[in-house]
Amino acid sequence: MAQVIRKLAIGAALSIACVSCTANGEGDAPVTPSPVDQFTPLDQLKPINLDGDPLSGAETFDTRPTPRALGEVSTERYRMIVYTQGSSCGLLVVDAKTSQRPLINLVSAWPKNVSEGSQRYAAGPYNFASGAGSESSRSRASLYCSEKAMVVEFTPGEEASTSGQQGHVSTKKRHSDPESLVVVTGSDAARKRIMKQL
């Protein structure tokens, strides 16, 4: 009986010693970043150069920071330019032939903390904005904006295939809507994760 009590006392002493080691931080395992922390923020991605500088004529959300183009996707009729400006995401859709004529210009600030916005895609949370094109265009677009990625759903009003793209973008057509084009902007890792969700 005395041996059993002695073993229990030794076990309790070891448990207390282990708890105090952990409380002092000596026994803590290294903290691994959450998946969201592994994605590069949009404002750290290298901007691209645009032909004709269509962003200069667009109304932007904030006049202080200069808009930074991160990607461009072209179709036969449209140029879609995704950009950041300060802590906001933007989508500018212009006519492919007359790039100075904005058809759609959406802007959304990214959420200030993880409790805001939606978790629709990886690398979130996201704020949302949507809009329609000018009267002559039947196009419409929606913009999901986070600090680490942008997801654009663009419907040109007619079936259109991409004729070119540059920058930090990946594209995919929706099977359910062949006219709809999804443009994902972000680091390689963020785009890869989001493209798997589409």
Protein backbone atom coordinates (compact mmCIF):
# COMPACT_ATOMS: atom_id res chain seq x y z
CA MET A 1 0.00 0.00 0.00
CA ALA A 2 2.86 2.36 0.89
CA GLN A 3 4.41 1.73 -2.54
CA VAL A 4 1.16 2.68 -4.30
CA ILE A 5 0.90 5.93 -2.33
CA ARG A 6 4.58 6.71 -3.06
CA LYS A 7 4.02 6.14 -6.83
CA LEU A 8 0.94 8.39 -6.77
CA ALA A 9 2.91 11.13 -4.98
CA ILE A 10 5.74 10.91 -7.53
CA GLY A 11 3.21 11.03 -10.39
CA ALA A 12 1.53 14.11 -8.91
CA ALA A 13 4.90 15.85 -8.45
CA LEU A 14 5.84 15.16 -12.07
CA SER A 15 2.47 16.51 -13.26
CA ILE A 16 2.96 19.73 -11.30
CA ALA A 17 6.50 20.11 -12.68
CA CYS A 18 5.25 19.65 -16.26
CA VAL A 19 2.46 22.19 -15.76
CA SER A 20 4.90 24.78 -14.37
CA CYS A 21 7.30 24.21 -17.31
CA THR A 22 4.49 24.84 -19.75
CA ALA A 23 3.30 27.90 -17.83
CA ASN A 24 6.83 29.38 -18.01
CA GLY A 25 6.80 28.99 -21.78
CA GLU A 26 9.74 26.58 -21.83
CA GLY A 27 7.60 23.64 -22.92
CA ASP A 28 5.55 25.52 -25.54
CA ALA A 29 5.63 24.18 -29.07
CA PRO A 30 6.41 26.73 -31.81
CA VAL A 31 3.33 28.60 -32.97
CA THR A 32 2.48 27.86 -36.59
CA PRO A 33 0.67 30.59 -38.47
CA SER A 34 -2.94 30.02 -39.46
CA PRO A 35 -3.53 29.44 -43.20
CA VAL A 36 -4.68 33.06 -43.65
CA ASP A 37 -1.40 34.33 -42.18
CA GLN A 38 0.53 32.40 -44.83
CA PHE A 39 -0.85 34.50 -47.71
CA THR A 40 0.97 37.64 -48.84
CA PRO A 41 -1.14 40.82 -48.39
CA LEU A 42 -2.26 42.50 -51.61
CA ASP A 43 -0.38 45.70 -50.77
CA GLN A 44 2.90 43.73 -50.78
CA LEU A 45 2.43 42.30 -54.30
CA LYS A 46 4.39 43.93 -57.10
CA PRO A 47 2.21 46.23 -59.25
CA ILE A 48 2.00 45.81 -63.02
CA ASN A 49 2.29 48.39 -65.80
CA LEU A 50 -0.85 49.07 -67.82
CA ASP A 51 -1.08 50.03 -71.45
CA GLY A 52 -2.69 53.48 -71.76
CA ASP A 53 -2.99 54.07 -67.98
CA PRO A 54 -6.79 53.61 -67.69
CA LEU A 55 -6.66 54.04 -63.89
CA SER A 56 -5.74 57.71 -64.22
CA GLY A 57 -9.22 58.59 -65.53
CA ALA A 58 -11.18 56.44 -63.09
CA GLU A 59 -12.87 57.81 -60.00
CA THR A 60 -11.14 56.13 -57.09
CA PHE A 61 -12.23 55.63 -53.50
CA ASP A 62 -9.46 57.57 -51.81
CA THR A 63 -7.50 60.38 -53.45
CA ARG A 64 -4.34 60.08 -51.33
CA PRO A 65 -2.69 56.75 -52.22
CA THR A 66 -2.03 56.09 -55.88
CA PRO A 67 -3.96 53.11 -57.28
CA ARG A 68 -1.72 50.05 -57.81
CA ALA A 69 -2.73 47.71 -60.64
CA LEU A 70 -2.17 44.08 -59.64
CA GLY A 71 -3.65 42.32 -62.63
CA GLU A 72 -5.44 42.64 -65.93
CA VAL A 73 -7.66 40.25 -67.87
CA SER A 74 -8.71 41.02 -71.44
CA THR A 75 -11.55 39.75 -73.58
CA GLU A 76 -12.42 40.81 -77.10
CA ARG A 77 -14.61 43.66 -75.78
CA TYR A 78 -13.34 44.43 -72.26
CA ARG A 79 -10.28 45.06 -70.13
CA MET A 80 -10.73 44.14 -66.46
CA ILE A 81 -8.17 45.75 -64.18
CA VAL A 82 -7.91 44.77 -60.51
CA TYR A 83 -6.13 47.23 -58.25
CA THR A 84 -5.56 48.31 -54.67
CA GLN A 85 -5.62 51.80 -53.25
CA GLY A 86 -4.66 52.13 -49.62
CA SER A 87 -6.72 49.54 -47.75
CA SER A 88 -9.24 49.08 -50.57
CA CYS A 89 -9.67 46.77 -53.55
CA GLY A 90 -10.91 47.96 -56.90
CA LEU A 91 -12.18 46.61 -60.21
CA LEU A 92 -12.17 48.79 -63.29
CA VAL A 93 -13.77 47.48 -66.48
CA VAL A 94 -13.11 49.53 -69.61
CA ASP A 95 -13.87 49.14 -73.29
CA ALA A 96 -11.00 47.27 -74.96
CA LYS A 97 -10.80 49.78 -77.81
CA THR A 98 -11.24 53.02 -75.84
CA SER A 99 -9.56 52.29 -72.52
CA GLN A 100 -10.35 55.71 -71.06
CA ARG A 101 -14.10 55.00 -70.93
CA PRO A 102 -14.95 53.22 -67.64
CA LEU A 103 -17.90 50.84 -67.87
CA ILE A 104 -17.73 49.51 -64.31
CA ASN A 105 -15.70 50.82 -61.37
CA LEU A 106 -16.21 48.95 -58.09
CA VAL A 107 -14.35 49.76 -54.87
CA SER A 108 -14.53 48.08 -51.47
CA ALA A 109 -12.42 48.46 -48.34
CA TRP A 110 -11.15 45.20 -46.95
CA PRO A 111 -12.48 44.18 -43.51
CA LYS A 112 -10.65 45.76 -40.57
CA ASN A 113 -10.68 42.55 -38.52
CA VAL A 114 -11.67 38.90 -38.78
CA SER A 115 -15.11 39.46 -37.23
CA GLU A 116 -16.19 41.63 -40.20
CA GLY A 117 -17.18 40.43 -43.66
CA SER A 118 -17.81 36.93 -44.97
CA GLN A 119 -15.65 33.82 -45.23
CA ARG A 120 -16.94 32.90 -48.69
CA TYR A 121 -13.43 32.10 -49.97
CA ALA A 122 -10.05 31.25 -48.46
CA ALA A 123 -7.77 34.18 -47.48
CA GLY A 124 -10.76 36.08 -46.06
CA PRO A 125 -12.73 37.66 -44.53
CA TYR A 126 -14.22 39.57 -47.48
CA ASN A 127 -16.29 42.69 -47.98
CA PHE A 128 -18.54 42.79 -51.04
CA ALA A 129 -19.49 45.29 -53.74
CA SER A 130 -21.40 44.82 -56.99
CA GLY A 131 -22.58 46.86 -59.93
CA ALA A 132 -23.80 46.88 -63.50
CA GLY A 133 -22.21 48.34 -66.59
CA SER A 134 -23.36 51.35 -68.55
CA GLU A 135 -26.65 51.28 -70.46
CA SER A 136 -25.01 50.18 -73.71
CA SER A 137 -23.35 47.29 -71.89
CA ARG A 138 -25.26 44.40 -70.32
CA SER A 139 -22.25 43.56 -68.17
CA ARG A 140 -22.28 43.22 -64.41
CA ALA A 141 -19.66 42.44 -61.79
CA SER A 142 -19.21 41.63 -58.13
CA LEU A 143 -16.06 42.16 -56.09
CA TYR A 144 -15.08 40.26 -52.95
CA CYS A 145 -12.27 42.15 -51.20
CA SER A 146 -9.92 41.00 -48.44
CA GLU A 147 -6.49 42.14 -47.35
CA LYS A 148 -4.98 39.00 -48.93
CA ALA A 149 -7.09 38.39 -52.06
CA MET A 150 -9.78 39.65 -54.41
CA VAL A 151 -12.38 37.56 -56.19
CA VAL A 152 -14.25 39.11 -59.11
CA GLU A 153 -17.27 37.53 -60.77
CA PHE A 154 -17.77 39.23 -64.14
CA THR A 155 -20.63 38.61 -66.56
CA PRO A 156 -20.11 40.46 -69.84
CA GLY A 157 -23.68 39.89 -71.06
CA GLU A 158 -22.44 37.61 -73.83
CA GLU A 159 -20.20 34.58 -74.00
CA ALA A 160 -16.61 35.77 -74.06
CA SER A 161 -13.26 34.06 -73.72
CA THR A 162 -10.14 35.67 -72.35
CA SER A 163 -7.63 36.90 -74.89
CA GLY A 164 -4.87 37.76 -72.42
CA GLN A 165 -3.94 38.31 -68.81
CA GLN A 166 -1.04 39.68 -66.79
CA GLY A 167 -0.10 40.09 -63.15
CA HIS A 168 -1.25 38.26 -60.04
CA VAL A 169 -4.46 36.81 -61.51
CA SER A 170 -6.01 33.43 -62.29
CA THR A 171 -9.24 32.97 -64.23
CA LYS A 172 -11.95 30.35 -64.47
CA LYS A 173 -15.32 30.08 -66.20
CA ARG A 174 -18.27 28.89 -64.15
CA HIS A 175 -19.79 25.65 -65.46
CA SER A 176 -23.23 26.76 -64.26
CA ASP A 177 -22.98 30.05 -66.20
CA PRO A 178 -20.73 29.95 -69.30
CA GLU A 179 -20.97 33.74 -69.67
CA SER A 180 -19.56 34.30 -66.17
CA LEU A 181 -15.82 34.68 -65.64
CA VAL A 182 -14.18 34.49 -62.20
CA VAL A 183 -10.93 36.42 -61.71
CA VAL A 184 -8.91 35.66 -58.57
CA THR A 185 -6.19 38.11 -57.51
CA GLY A 186 -3.53 37.45 -54.86
CA SER A 187 -0.33 35.58 -54.16
CA ASP A 188 0.25 32.24 -55.88
CA ALA A 189 -0.71 30.38 -52.69
CA ALA A 190 -3.92 32.37 -52.16
CA ARG A 191 -5.01 31.96 -55.78
CA LYS A 192 -4.32 28.23 -55.74
CA ARG A 193 -6.41 27.76 -52.58
CA ILE A 194 -9.32 29.87 -53.88
CA MET A 195 -9.31 28.25 -57.34
CA LYS A 196 -9.86 24.87 -55.65
CA GLN A 197 -13.06 26.28 -54.12
CA LEU A 198 -14.54 27.36 -57.46
